[in-house]
Structure formats: structure tokens, C-alpha cells
């Protein structure tokens, strides 16, 4: 058996197209474009690529993109003052401060400074609490994208056994909360989990978000399980001096056992920015007091 490939790139393109339709409808109703502000501190190459891509896709979706760049040595107070200005700007519906930040800036203090109703990354403790108790809020983009892929593939998830490998605030914990809300039986596993392979082997759904290249082996996977690989790890390629991207799952092996699996790249990665645009648009509708059907996006 060879697993079906879950094409996150295609799903993300469909989602972005839907966001574009609703963004145009929003502009007609509200008399302005939905606005997303992205803040970049310093010149981390990977962050620069992400920010450029976010800005490009925001504009392509028919939304307003506001990019703010601060030097790597910018004071924490300068960044917090910028966040305050964006909080107060009625044209800005969503605020994203690109992580990681330079070491002299307290990331948690910056995240806490973002208004919860503009926190489209879903990292603010108020949004984390809303997710935990089942109230409307903003959910981190990567786990929400994973859930969309799972529901598209499997439909109703209720009663399924799910194992999330990884317990970060950005992916692992919110992923577990989302799966609980879908009535899955959820286990959160991590580096200290005993008999990890056995724990994973009983799962109908495996979400790997641990940041270790190809850690999850084929014999960890229950035959027919659905595998969502969040990992993006750069490792040495066969050709000297070259690198390649791999996930947290041994794709070649797992694809011979699983029922469906996301590739790396082209699986979860494209979903993250698409869901960010979706969150920003939802924020815009809420700020304007406009109705957006729950299943519209």
C-alpha cells in the first residue's frame, strides 16, 4: 500500500482564492481593505523570506499589507511603541510580529502587547485561553491549517485516536486543543514520553511537530493512519555542499504504511500563510461588525 499524498499546496491555493473573494466582498461593504501589519526586527534571512511572502500573498488576496522593519539593535521599547500604534490604527485588522526576535527583546512581553482581537497569530494568552475553553478567538495558523487538511481528508474526526508529538505553544498544545474540540481522543507526546513508538502506533491520526529530522519511523505508524508532518528540517544532501528539506517523519518509509501523509515540502508549510490571511480577514469582518458565516472560510 502506498499512502495518498495530502496536497497542502493545492488546498492552500483554494483557501487563498476564497479569502480573495471574501476580501473583495469586505471592501465593498466596509469601504476599505482588510489590513494586515507585519513587523520584522533585524535581518534574519529566513524571516525576511517569510515576511516577503506574507506581504506578496496579502496583496494578491486583495488586502492591504503594512510592513514595518526595525534594525536588529532596536530597543524593546521602540518595538512596543510600534505595536501600540498598530493596535490603535483602525486600518489594521491583524498584527504579526515575526519571530524569533533578537535576544535582548522579551518575546512574551511583545506578544502580550498585541491587542487580542488583532492577534491573528493566535499566540496571546487570552486567545490561548479562549481556545482551551472553546470560546471564539484566533488559533495559531499552523495547527489550524493541519486541522483543515485532516477534515478535508477524513471528514468527521470524532472518536479517532490522535497523537500529537510535540508540546510547543505554537503547534503542539493548540493542535491538541483543536483535536479535542473535534471529539478525538488525544495524547500529547514529547521527548520524555516513554515507549514513544508504541504510543504513536495506536493512533489513527499522527501530527509530528517535534523538530527532529525523520524521527518518526515507518514501524511507528499504524497501517492506514493519517500522518501530518509539521517538521521542516534542513539536512545534508547526497551531493556534497547541498542540503535538502525533510520533515519529522521518515516519509519514504511511512508512505508505505500510512493511509495518507503530507509531504515536506508542499504539505503543511503552504497552509500557514493561507490561514494567516484567513485569520486577518475574519478579524476585519469582526472589527467592522459584519457577519461572516462560520463555514464561509
Protein backbone atom coordinates (compact mmCIF):
# COMPACT_ATOMS: atom_id res chain seq x y z
CA UNK A 1 0.00 0.00 0.00
CA UNK A 2 1.20 3.50 -0.79
CA UNK A 3 -0.28 6.40 1.14
CA UNK A 4 -2.35 9.09 -0.56
CA UNK A 5 -0.44 12.37 -0.68
CA UNK A 6 -2.18 15.23 1.12
CA UNK A 7 -1.50 18.22 -1.15
CA UNK A 8 -1.27 21.22 1.16
CA UNK A 9 -0.11 23.45 -1.68
CA UNK A 10 -3.32 22.86 -3.64
CA UNK A 11 -5.54 23.22 -0.56
CA UNK A 12 -3.79 26.46 0.39
CA UNK A 13 -4.32 27.87 -3.12
CA UNK A 14 -8.04 27.14 -2.85
CA UNK A 15 -8.19 28.75 0.60
CA UNK A 16 -6.35 31.87 -0.62
CA UNK A 17 -8.77 32.16 -3.54
CA UNK A 18 -11.72 32.02 -1.11
CA UNK A 19 -10.05 34.63 1.09
CA UNK A 20 -9.67 36.82 -2.01
CA UNK A 21 -13.39 36.56 -2.82
CA UNK A 22 -14.39 37.46 0.73
CA UNK A 23 -11.79 40.26 0.89
CA UNK A 24 -13.41 41.88 -2.15
CA UNK A 25 -16.83 41.50 -0.54
CA UNK A 26 -15.47 43.05 2.65
CA UNK A 27 -14.07 46.05 0.78
CA UNK A 28 -17.44 46.66 -0.88
CA UNK A 29 -19.29 46.51 2.44
CA UNK A 30 -16.78 48.28 4.69
CA UNK A 31 -15.43 50.84 2.23
CA UNK A 32 -11.84 49.85 2.98
CA UNK A 33 -9.50 46.91 2.52
CA UNK A 34 -8.83 44.42 5.30
CA UNK A 35 -5.37 45.23 6.65
CA UNK A 36 -2.53 43.04 7.91
CA UNK A 37 0.57 44.53 9.53
CA UNK A 38 3.79 42.51 9.72
CA UNK A 39 6.72 43.64 11.87
CA UNK A 40 10.26 42.39 11.22
CA UNK A 41 13.10 43.15 13.62
CA UNK A 42 16.60 42.52 12.31
CA UNK A 43 17.75 40.76 9.17
CA UNK A 44 17.33 37.03 9.81
CA UNK A 45 17.35 35.55 6.25
CA UNK A 46 14.56 33.03 6.85
CA UNK A 47 12.38 35.68 8.49
CA UNK A 48 12.97 38.06 5.58
CA UNK A 49 11.78 35.38 3.15
CA UNK A 50 8.66 34.71 5.23
CA UNK A 51 7.81 38.40 5.53
CA UNK A 52 8.23 38.99 1.77
CA UNK A 53 5.99 36.02 1.03
CA UNK A 54 3.35 37.16 3.51
CA UNK A 55 3.32 40.67 2.04
CA UNK A 56 3.05 39.37 -1.51
CA UNK A 57 0.21 36.96 -0.72
CA UNK A 58 -1.64 39.58 1.33
CA UNK A 59 -1.68 41.94 -1.67
CA UNK A 60 -2.65 39.11 -4.05
CA UNK A 61 -5.64 38.36 -1.80
CA UNK A 62 -6.86 41.94 -2.18
CA UNK A 63 -5.91 43.04 1.32
CA UNK A 64 -3.75 45.93 2.50
CA UNK A 65 -0.24 44.98 3.61
CA UNK A 66 1.66 47.13 6.11
CA UNK A 67 5.30 46.15 6.58
CA UNK A 68 7.39 47.63 9.38
CA UNK A 69 11.10 46.87 9.61
CA UNK A 70 13.25 47.72 12.60
CA UNK A 71 17.01 47.24 12.90
CA UNK A 72 18.35 44.30 14.92
CA UNK A 73 19.52 46.66 17.67
CA UNK A 74 16.14 48.40 18.03
CA UNK A 75 15.15 48.86 21.67
CA UNK A 76 12.35 46.77 23.10
CA UNK A 77 10.52 50.00 23.97
CA UNK A 78 10.62 51.05 20.30
CA UNK A 79 9.00 47.78 19.22
CA UNK A 80 6.36 48.01 21.96
CA UNK A 81 5.56 51.59 20.91
CA UNK A 82 5.09 50.42 17.30
CA UNK A 83 2.74 47.64 18.46
CA UNK A 84 0.74 50.22 20.43
CA UNK A 85 0.37 52.38 17.30
CA UNK A 86 -0.79 49.41 15.25
CA UNK A 87 -3.27 48.43 17.99
CA UNK A 88 -4.81 51.89 17.71
CA UNK A 89 -4.83 52.03 13.88
CA UNK A 90 -8.37 51.32 12.59
CA UNK A 91 -6.99 50.29 9.19
CA UNK A 92 -5.00 47.43 10.73
CA UNK A 93 -7.07 44.32 11.47
CA UNK A 94 -4.25 41.89 12.17
CA UNK A 95 -0.78 42.29 13.65
CA UNK A 96 2.02 39.76 13.26
CA UNK A 97 5.43 40.27 14.84
CA UNK A 98 7.82 37.90 13.07
CA UNK A 99 9.61 35.52 15.42
CA UNK A 100 12.30 34.92 16.53
CA UNK A 101 13.17 38.34 17.91
CA UNK A 102 16.69 39.47 18.85
CA UNK A 103 17.85 38.14 22.23
CA UNK A 104 17.56 41.49 24.03
CA UNK A 105 13.79 41.67 23.35
CA UNK A 106 11.32 39.71 25.51
CA UNK A 107 9.12 37.83 23.03
CA UNK A 108 6.41 37.13 25.60
CA UNK A 109 6.16 40.82 26.51
CA UNK A 110 5.77 41.74 22.82
CA UNK A 111 3.12 39.06 22.21
CA UNK A 112 1.23 40.23 25.30
CA UNK A 113 1.27 43.81 23.98
CA UNK A 114 -0.67 42.90 20.81
CA UNK A 115 -4.40 43.52 21.18
CA UNK A 116 -6.04 40.05 21.42
CA UNK A 117 -8.58 40.97 18.72
CA UNK A 118 -5.68 41.76 16.33
CA UNK A 119 -3.55 38.78 17.35
CA UNK A 120 -4.01 36.82 14.12
CA UNK A 121 -1.08 34.56 15.05
CA UNK A 122 -3.17 33.32 17.99
CA UNK A 123 -0.21 33.46 20.42
CA UNK A 124 -1.68 35.86 23.01
CA UNK A 125 -2.51 34.17 26.31
CA UNK A 126 -6.13 35.36 26.00
CA UNK A 127 -6.52 33.63 22.64
CA UNK A 128 -4.82 30.51 24.03
CA UNK A 129 -7.32 30.55 26.90
CA UNK A 130 -10.25 31.03 24.54
CA UNK A 131 -9.14 28.01 22.54
CA UNK A 132 -8.77 25.94 25.71
CA UNK A 133 -12.32 26.64 26.89
CA UNK A 134 -13.96 26.59 23.46
CA UNK A 135 -14.66 30.29 23.02
CA UNK A 136 -14.19 32.17 19.72
CA UNK A 137 -10.71 33.59 19.29
CA UNK A 138 -7.71 33.33 17.00
CA UNK A 139 -5.96 29.99 16.62
CA UNK A 140 -2.28 29.65 15.62
CA UNK A 141 -2.05 29.29 11.86
CA UNK A 142 -0.09 26.07 11.52
CA UNK A 143 -2.28 23.84 13.71
CA UNK A 144 -5.45 25.31 12.24
CA UNK A 145 -4.08 24.53 8.78
CA UNK A 146 -3.34 20.96 9.90
CA UNK A 147 -6.93 20.59 11.14
CA UNK A 148 -8.28 21.83 7.80
CA UNK A 149 -6.20 19.21 5.96
CA UNK A 150 -7.35 16.46 8.33
CA UNK A 151 -11.04 17.33 7.98
CA UNK A 152 -10.73 17.60 4.22
CA UNK A 153 -9.19 14.13 4.12
CA UNK A 154 -11.20 12.34 6.83
CA UNK A 155 -14.42 14.31 7.30
CA UNK A 156 -15.77 13.71 10.81
CA UNK A 157 -12.87 13.16 13.23
CA UNK A 158 -14.96 12.23 16.28
CA UNK A 159 -13.84 9.14 18.15
CA UNK A 160 -10.48 8.85 16.37
CA UNK A 161 -7.26 8.31 18.36
CA UNK A 162 -4.83 11.18 17.75
CA UNK A 163 -1.24 11.54 18.90
CA UNK A 164 0.47 14.94 18.73
CA UNK A 165 4.25 14.66 19.04
CA UNK A 166 5.46 17.99 20.40
CA UNK A 167 4.11 20.32 23.08
CA UNK A 168 5.03 23.81 21.90
CA UNK A 169 2.67 26.73 22.42
CA UNK A 170 2.80 27.40 18.66
CA UNK A 171 1.84 23.94 17.36
CA UNK A 172 1.62 21.06 19.82
CA UNK A 173 -0.66 22.43 22.51
CA UNK A 174 -3.13 24.25 20.21
CA UNK A 175 -3.20 21.21 17.89
CA UNK A 176 -4.24 19.03 20.80
CA UNK A 177 -6.97 21.51 21.79
CA UNK A 178 -8.33 21.61 18.24
CA UNK A 179 -8.45 17.81 18.03
CA UNK A 180 -10.18 17.62 21.43
CA UNK A 181 -12.79 20.06 20.14
CA UNK A 182 -13.38 17.64 17.23
CA UNK A 183 -14.05 14.86 19.79
CA UNK A 184 -10.83 12.97 19.16
CA UNK A 185 -9.11 11.05 21.94
CA UNK A 186 -5.85 12.98 22.17
CA UNK A 187 -2.41 12.09 23.52
CA UNK A 188 0.31 14.74 23.62
CA UNK A 189 3.69 13.02 23.37
CA UNK A 190 7.14 14.59 23.62
CA UNK A 191 10.83 13.95 24.20
CA UNK A 192 10.20 12.49 27.66
CA UNK A 193 7.40 10.14 26.61
CA UNK A 194 8.17 6.53 27.49
CA UNK A 195 7.77 3.95 24.72
CA UNK A 196 7.05 6.71 22.21
CA UNK A 197 6.88 4.34 19.25
CA UNK A 198 4.18 2.28 20.99
CA UNK A 199 2.19 5.40 21.85
CA UNK A 200 2.28 6.59 18.24
CA UNK A 201 1.49 3.13 16.86
CA UNK A 202 -2.06 3.15 18.25
CA UNK A 203 -3.01 6.45 16.61
CA UNK A 204 -5.44 6.94 13.73
CA UNK A 205 -4.02 10.47 13.37
CA UNK A 206 -0.35 11.37 13.92
CA UNK A 207 0.74 15.01 13.99
CA UNK A 208 4.54 15.26 14.18
CA UNK A 209 5.80 18.64 15.36
CA UNK A 210 8.94 17.86 17.28
CA UNK A 211 11.70 19.40 15.13
CA UNK A 212 13.84 16.27 14.73
CA UNK A 213 14.63 15.12 11.18
CA UNK A 214 12.86 11.89 10.20
CA UNK A 215 12.43 10.83 13.83
CA UNK A 216 9.10 9.07 13.25
CA UNK A 217 9.81 5.76 11.54
CA UNK A 218 7.59 3.59 9.38
CA UNK A 219 7.16 0.95 12.10
CA UNK A 220 5.75 3.62 14.42
CA UNK A 221 2.76 4.13 12.11
CA UNK A 222 -0.48 2.20 12.41
CA UNK A 223 -1.45 0.81 8.98
CA UNK A 224 -3.87 3.22 7.32
CA UNK A 225 -3.24 6.10 9.72
CA UNK A 226 -3.25 9.71 8.56
CA UNK A 227 0.11 11.44 9.13
CA UNK A 228 0.53 15.21 9.29
CA UNK A 229 4.21 16.21 9.26
CA UNK A 230 4.78 19.74 10.56
CA UNK A 231 8.57 19.46 10.65
CA UNK A 232 10.82 21.43 8.32
CA UNK A 233 14.45 20.39 8.83
CA UNK A 234 17.39 21.16 6.57
CA UNK A 235 19.85 18.26 6.33
CA UNK A 236 22.87 17.41 4.21
CA UNK A 237 22.08 16.03 0.78
CA UNK A 238 23.95 13.24 -1.03
CA UNK A 239 25.64 15.82 -3.22
CA UNK A 240 28.46 17.50 -1.34
CA UNK A 241 27.71 21.03 -0.17
CA UNK A 242 23.98 20.68 -0.88
CA UNK A 243 21.10 20.47 1.59
CA UNK A 244 17.54 19.17 1.39
CA UNK A 245 14.37 19.66 3.37
CA UNK A 246 12.91 16.77 5.34
CA UNK A 247 10.12 16.51 7.87
CA UNK A 248 9.93 14.93 11.31
CA UNK A 249 8.66 11.71 9.66
CA UNK A 250 10.63 9.25 7.54
CA UNK A 251 8.45 9.98 4.52
CA UNK A 252 9.64 7.19 2.24
CA UNK A 253 9.06 4.54 4.89
CA UNK A 254 5.86 5.95 6.40
CA UNK A 255 4.26 6.35 2.97
CA UNK A 256 4.34 2.57 2.61
CA UNK A 257 2.24 2.14 5.78
CA UNK A 258 0.04 5.21 6.25
CA UNK A 259 -3.29 5.78 4.56
CA UNK A 260 -2.46 9.41 3.83
CA UNK A 261 0.53 11.66 4.52
CA UNK A 262 1.68 15.23 3.98
CA UNK A 263 4.93 15.69 2.05
CA UNK A 264 7.76 18.04 3.04
CA UNK A 265 7.87 20.46 1.36
CA UNK A 266 4.38 21.02 -0.08
CA UNK A 267 2.28 19.76 2.81
CA UNK A 268 1.68 21.82 5.95
CA UNK A 269 4.03 24.68 5.02
CA UNK A 270 1.85 26.40 2.38
CA UNK A 271 -1.13 26.29 4.76
CA UNK A 272 0.43 28.59 7.35
CA UNK A 273 0.32 31.84 5.35
CA UNK A 274 -3.05 30.94 3.82
CA UNK A 275 -4.53 30.53 7.32
CA UNK A 276 -2.87 33.77 8.44
CA UNK A 277 -4.72 35.59 5.65
CA UNK A 278 -7.91 33.80 6.67
CA UNK A 279 -7.47 34.92 10.31
CA UNK A 280 -6.80 38.52 9.27
CA UNK A 281 -9.93 38.57 7.14
CA UNK A 282 -12.05 37.13 9.98
CA UNK A 283 -10.64 39.90 12.21
CA UNK A 284 -11.59 42.53 9.64
CA UNK A 285 -15.19 41.30 9.48
CA UNK A 286 -15.40 41.31 13.29
CA UNK A 287 -13.93 44.80 13.60
CA UNK A 288 -16.40 46.14 11.03
CA UNK A 289 -19.34 44.44 12.74
CA UNK A 290 -20.08 42.43 9.59
CA UNK A 291 -21.39 38.88 9.59
CA UNK A 292 -19.19 36.13 8.21
CA UNK A 293 -20.82 32.70 8.11
CA UNK A 294 -18.96 30.17 10.24
CA UNK A 295 -18.46 27.85 7.28
CA UNK A 296 -17.61 30.62 4.79
CA UNK A 297 -13.88 30.23 5.22
